[in-house]
Amino acid sequence: MIRYAAGRLAVTVPILLAISFATFWAAGEISSPAAQLTLNPRISPEARRAYIESLGLEEPFGVRYLTWLGNFVTGDLGTSLVRNGQEVWPLVRSAMANTLLLIVVAMAFSLAVGLVVGTLSALRPGSVIDRASTTVSFLGISIPVFWLGLMLQLMFGLYLAEWLRLGAPLLPTAGIYSPGQQGFDLLDRAGHLALPVMALSLQLIAAY
């Protein structure tokens, strides 16, 4: 067991390093802040040079990558260029709780539905339930989650509201709670989780 884990670790670490290297290179070379500043004639050379030095872009690529990697493994994710210089880690941490909640709810829902449908299909092979669950399983495996999520947003947020002549979307299509919501509202939170859980659960139910 230890030998297997060590072997997997020996393979995983180089792959993660290669991915981080490629991502760092793409972020720095394809959308280089220095290049964007050069193309902006309204920025003076002095301001451009000061900004480049503040980001450490005057250093060689290898030095910049090793500096970033060292900061990353110690928990320093830097600051956000699109959030007015806010620290990245608090932004990630604030979204992590909602992500974990979504994963737990989706897995619990998928396990419950998958076990019930799988048991009924096993008890009645060749029945309507068996054939329908097999078809849905193939669809769940083949449909990309991001595409299914977009279709669910259009269906429950736009089309059904128009067909049923509702004044609002049938289910919320964004956010984790309604704007202006005070305190914890279970029904409101469940409504916002419904579409993401449906999008994630289809593949999980097919697997179960």
Protein backbone atom coordinates (compact mmCIF):
# COMPACT_ATOMS: atom_id res chain seq x y z
CA MET A 1 0.00 0.00 0.00
CA ILE A 2 2.79 2.41 0.92
CA ARG A 3 4.70 1.49 -2.24
CA TYR A 4 1.60 2.10 -4.37
CA ALA A 5 0.95 5.48 -2.71
CA ALA A 6 4.59 6.48 -3.19
CA GLY A 7 4.41 5.49 -6.85
CA ARG A 8 1.27 7.51 -7.41
CA LEU A 9 2.82 10.47 -5.62
CA ALA A 10 5.95 10.20 -7.76
CA VAL A 11 3.79 10.46 -10.87
CA THR A 12 1.36 13.11 -9.59
CA VAL A 13 3.90 15.66 -8.35
CA PRO A 14 5.72 16.09 -11.70
CA ILE A 15 2.38 16.37 -13.49
CA LEU A 16 1.19 19.09 -11.10
CA LEU A 17 4.49 20.93 -11.50
CA ALA A 18 4.22 20.75 -15.29
CA ILE A 19 0.64 22.05 -15.19
CA SER A 20 1.60 24.90 -12.86
CA PHE A 21 4.57 25.78 -15.08
CA ALA A 22 2.42 25.85 -18.24
CA THR A 23 -0.31 27.87 -16.51
CA PHE A 24 2.19 30.37 -15.12
CA TRP A 25 3.81 30.75 -18.53
CA ALA A 26 0.46 31.23 -20.29
CA ALA A 27 -0.73 33.80 -17.75
CA GLY A 28 2.52 35.73 -17.94
CA GLU A 29 3.26 35.56 -21.66
CA ILE A 30 -0.11 35.45 -23.40
CA SER A 31 -1.78 38.13 -21.26
CA SER A 32 1.34 39.89 -20.00
CA PRO A 33 0.58 43.01 -17.91
CA ALA A 34 3.84 44.52 -19.15
CA ALA A 35 2.75 44.14 -22.78
CA GLN A 36 -0.63 45.69 -22.01
CA LEU A 37 1.06 48.67 -20.39
CA THR A 38 3.34 49.10 -23.41
CA LEU A 39 0.31 49.32 -25.70
CA ASN A 40 -1.27 52.06 -23.57
CA PRO A 41 0.15 55.44 -24.69
CA ARG A 42 -1.38 57.29 -21.73
CA ILE A 43 0.94 55.60 -19.21
CA SER A 44 4.31 57.28 -18.75
CA PRO A 45 7.53 55.22 -18.94
CA GLU A 46 8.21 55.93 -15.27
CA ALA A 47 4.80 54.65 -14.15
CA ARG A 48 5.17 51.63 -16.44
CA ARG A 49 8.59 50.80 -14.99
CA ALA A 50 7.37 51.20 -11.40
CA TYR A 51 4.41 48.90 -12.04
CA ILE A 52 6.59 46.26 -13.69
CA GLU A 53 9.00 46.35 -10.75
CA SER A 54 6.13 46.06 -8.24
CA LEU A 55 5.04 42.83 -9.95
CA GLY A 56 8.58 41.51 -10.26
CA LEU A 57 8.26 41.28 -14.05
CA GLU A 58 11.80 42.54 -14.57
CA GLU A 59 13.11 39.24 -13.21
CA PRO A 60 13.85 36.26 -15.53
CA PHE A 61 10.97 33.87 -16.09
CA GLY A 62 12.58 31.06 -14.08
CA VAL A 63 13.11 33.30 -11.07
CA ARG A 64 9.53 34.55 -11.23
CA TYR A 65 8.16 31.01 -11.43
CA LEU A 66 10.22 29.74 -8.49
CA THR A 67 9.20 32.78 -6.44
CA TRP A 68 5.54 32.17 -7.22
CA LEU A 69 5.86 28.44 -6.47
CA GLY A 70 7.50 29.13 -3.13
CA ASN A 71 4.79 31.60 -2.18
CA PHE A 72 2.08 29.17 -3.32
CA VAL A 73 3.25 26.23 -1.21
CA THR A 74 3.45 28.53 1.84
CA GLY A 75 -0.12 29.78 1.35
CA ASP A 76 0.67 33.16 -0.21
CA LEU A 77 -1.50 33.33 -3.35
CA GLY A 78 -0.73 36.97 -4.02
CA THR A 79 -3.18 39.74 -4.83
CA SER A 80 -5.94 39.94 -7.42
CA LEU A 81 -5.49 42.17 -10.47
CA VAL A 82 -9.26 42.33 -11.02
CA ARG A 83 -10.36 42.86 -7.39
CA ASN A 84 -8.45 46.07 -6.67
CA GLY A 85 -5.44 44.31 -5.18
CA GLN A 86 -7.33 42.20 -2.65
CA GLU A 87 -5.59 39.15 -1.24
CA VAL A 88 -6.45 36.05 -3.27
CA TRP A 89 -6.65 33.55 -0.40
CA PRO A 90 -9.55 35.28 1.44
CA LEU A 91 -11.46 35.39 -1.86
CA VAL A 92 -10.89 31.67 -2.38
CA ARG A 93 -11.77 30.87 1.21
CA SER A 94 -15.05 32.80 1.03
CA ALA A 95 -16.15 30.74 -1.98
CA MET A 96 -14.89 27.43 -0.59
CA ALA A 97 -17.71 26.98 1.93
CA ASN A 98 -20.40 27.36 -0.74
CA THR A 99 -18.52 24.98 -3.04
CA LEU A 100 -18.23 22.32 -0.33
CA LEU A 101 -21.94 22.71 0.49
CA LEU A 102 -22.83 22.20 -3.17
CA ILE A 103 -20.62 19.11 -3.44
CA VAL A 104 -22.04 17.51 -0.29
CA VAL A 105 -25.67 18.14 -1.27
CA ALA A 106 -25.11 16.92 -4.84
CA MET A 107 -23.37 13.73 -3.69
CA ALA A 108 -26.04 12.98 -1.06
CA PHE A 109 -28.86 13.56 -3.56
CA SER A 110 -27.11 11.48 -6.23
CA LEU A 111 -26.43 8.62 -3.85
CA ALA A 112 -30.04 8.49 -2.66
CA VAL A 113 -31.55 8.64 -6.15
CA GLY A 114 -28.93 6.35 -7.68
CA LEU A 115 -29.39 3.63 -5.08
CA VAL A 116 -33.19 3.70 -5.34
CA VAL A 117 -33.26 3.68 -9.15
CA GLY A 118 -30.49 1.09 -9.35
CA THR A 119 -32.29 -1.22 -6.93
CA LEU A 120 -35.58 -0.93 -8.83
CA SER A 121 -33.81 -1.60 -12.13
CA ALA A 122 -32.09 -4.67 -10.69
CA LEU A 123 -35.35 -6.04 -9.30
CA ARG A 124 -37.16 -5.54 -12.61
CA PRO A 125 -34.70 -6.02 -15.48
CA GLY A 126 -36.08 -5.01 -18.86
CA SER A 127 -38.88 -2.95 -17.33
CA VAL A 128 -39.71 0.64 -18.20
CA ILE A 129 -37.75 1.83 -15.16
CA ASP A 130 -34.73 -0.23 -16.20
CA ARG A 131 -34.74 1.04 -19.79
CA ALA A 132 -35.38 4.64 -18.74
CA SER A 133 -32.61 4.59 -16.13
CA THR A 134 -30.18 3.08 -18.67
CA THR A 135 -31.02 5.82 -21.18
CA VAL A 136 -30.64 8.55 -18.56
CA SER A 137 -27.33 7.01 -17.45
CA PHE A 138 -25.92 7.17 -20.98
CA LEU A 139 -27.09 10.77 -21.28
CA GLY A 140 -25.60 11.65 -17.90
CA ILE A 141 -22.22 10.26 -18.87
CA SER A 142 -22.16 11.89 -22.31
CA ILE A 143 -23.57 15.37 -21.58
CA PRO A 144 -20.95 17.91 -20.36
CA VAL A 145 -21.85 19.40 -16.99
CA PHE A 146 -21.25 22.99 -18.10
CA TRP A 147 -23.61 22.59 -21.09
CA LEU A 148 -26.29 20.97 -18.93
CA GLY A 149 -25.98 23.81 -16.44
CA LEU A 150 -26.51 26.41 -19.16
CA MET A 151 -29.55 24.54 -20.50
CA LEU A 152 -31.05 24.30 -17.02
CA GLN A 153 -30.55 28.03 -16.53
CA LEU A 154 -32.33 28.78 -19.80
CA MET A 155 -35.14 26.32 -19.12
CA PHE A 156 -35.95 27.21 -15.50
CA GLY A 157 -34.84 30.83 -15.61
CA LEU A 158 -36.34 31.92 -18.92
CA TYR A 159 -38.44 29.52 -20.99
CA LEU A 160 -40.64 28.01 -18.27
CA ALA A 161 -41.26 31.46 -16.80
CA GLU A 162 -42.48 32.66 -20.21
CA TRP A 163 -44.58 29.56 -20.92
CA LEU A 164 -46.23 29.65 -17.49
CA ARG A 165 -46.53 33.45 -17.61
CA LEU A 166 -44.63 33.89 -14.37
CA GLY A 167 -43.23 37.23 -13.35
CA ALA A 168 -39.95 35.71 -12.18
CA PRO A 169 -37.74 32.70 -12.97
CA LEU A 170 -39.11 29.38 -11.77
CA LEU A 171 -35.80 28.71 -9.98
CA PRO A 172 -32.92 31.08 -9.18
CA THR A 173 -30.14 30.95 -11.77
CA ALA A 174 -27.32 32.68 -9.86
CA GLY A 175 -26.02 33.32 -6.38
CA ILE A 176 -26.32 31.35 -3.16
CA TYR A 177 -29.13 33.46 -1.68
CA SER A 178 -31.54 36.15 -2.82
CA PRO A 179 -30.37 39.80 -2.76
CA GLY A 180 -31.36 41.48 0.47
CA GLN A 181 -31.94 38.18 2.27
CA GLN A 182 -31.52 38.57 6.03
CA GLY A 183 -30.36 35.58 8.04
CA PHE A 184 -30.54 31.95 6.96
CA ASP A 185 -33.61 30.90 4.95
CA LEU A 186 -33.65 27.16 4.21
CA LEU A 187 -36.14 27.39 1.34
CA ASP A 188 -34.27 30.26 -0.28
CA ARG A 189 -30.94 28.45 0.02
CA ALA A 190 -32.45 25.21 -1.33
CA GLY A 191 -33.90 27.07 -4.30
CA HIS A 192 -30.51 28.50 -5.22
CA LEU A 193 -28.87 25.08 -4.86
CA ALA A 194 -31.48 23.30 -7.01
CA LEU A 195 -30.07 23.96 -10.49
CA PRO A 196 -26.38 23.41 -9.62
CA VAL A 197 -27.28 20.19 -7.81
CA MET A 198 -29.30 19.00 -10.81
CA ALA A 199 -26.41 19.75 -13.17
CA LEU A 200 -23.83 17.94 -11.03
CA SER A 201 -26.05 15.04 -10.02
CA LEU A 202 -26.85 13.63 -13.46
CA GLN A 203 -23.36 12.18 -13.99
CA LEU A 204 -23.11 11.04 -10.37
CA ILE A 205 -26.47 9.25 -10.56
CA ALA A 206 -25.34 7.54 -13.76
CA ALA A 207 -22.19 6.37 -11.97
CA TYR A 208 -24.13 4.99 -8.99
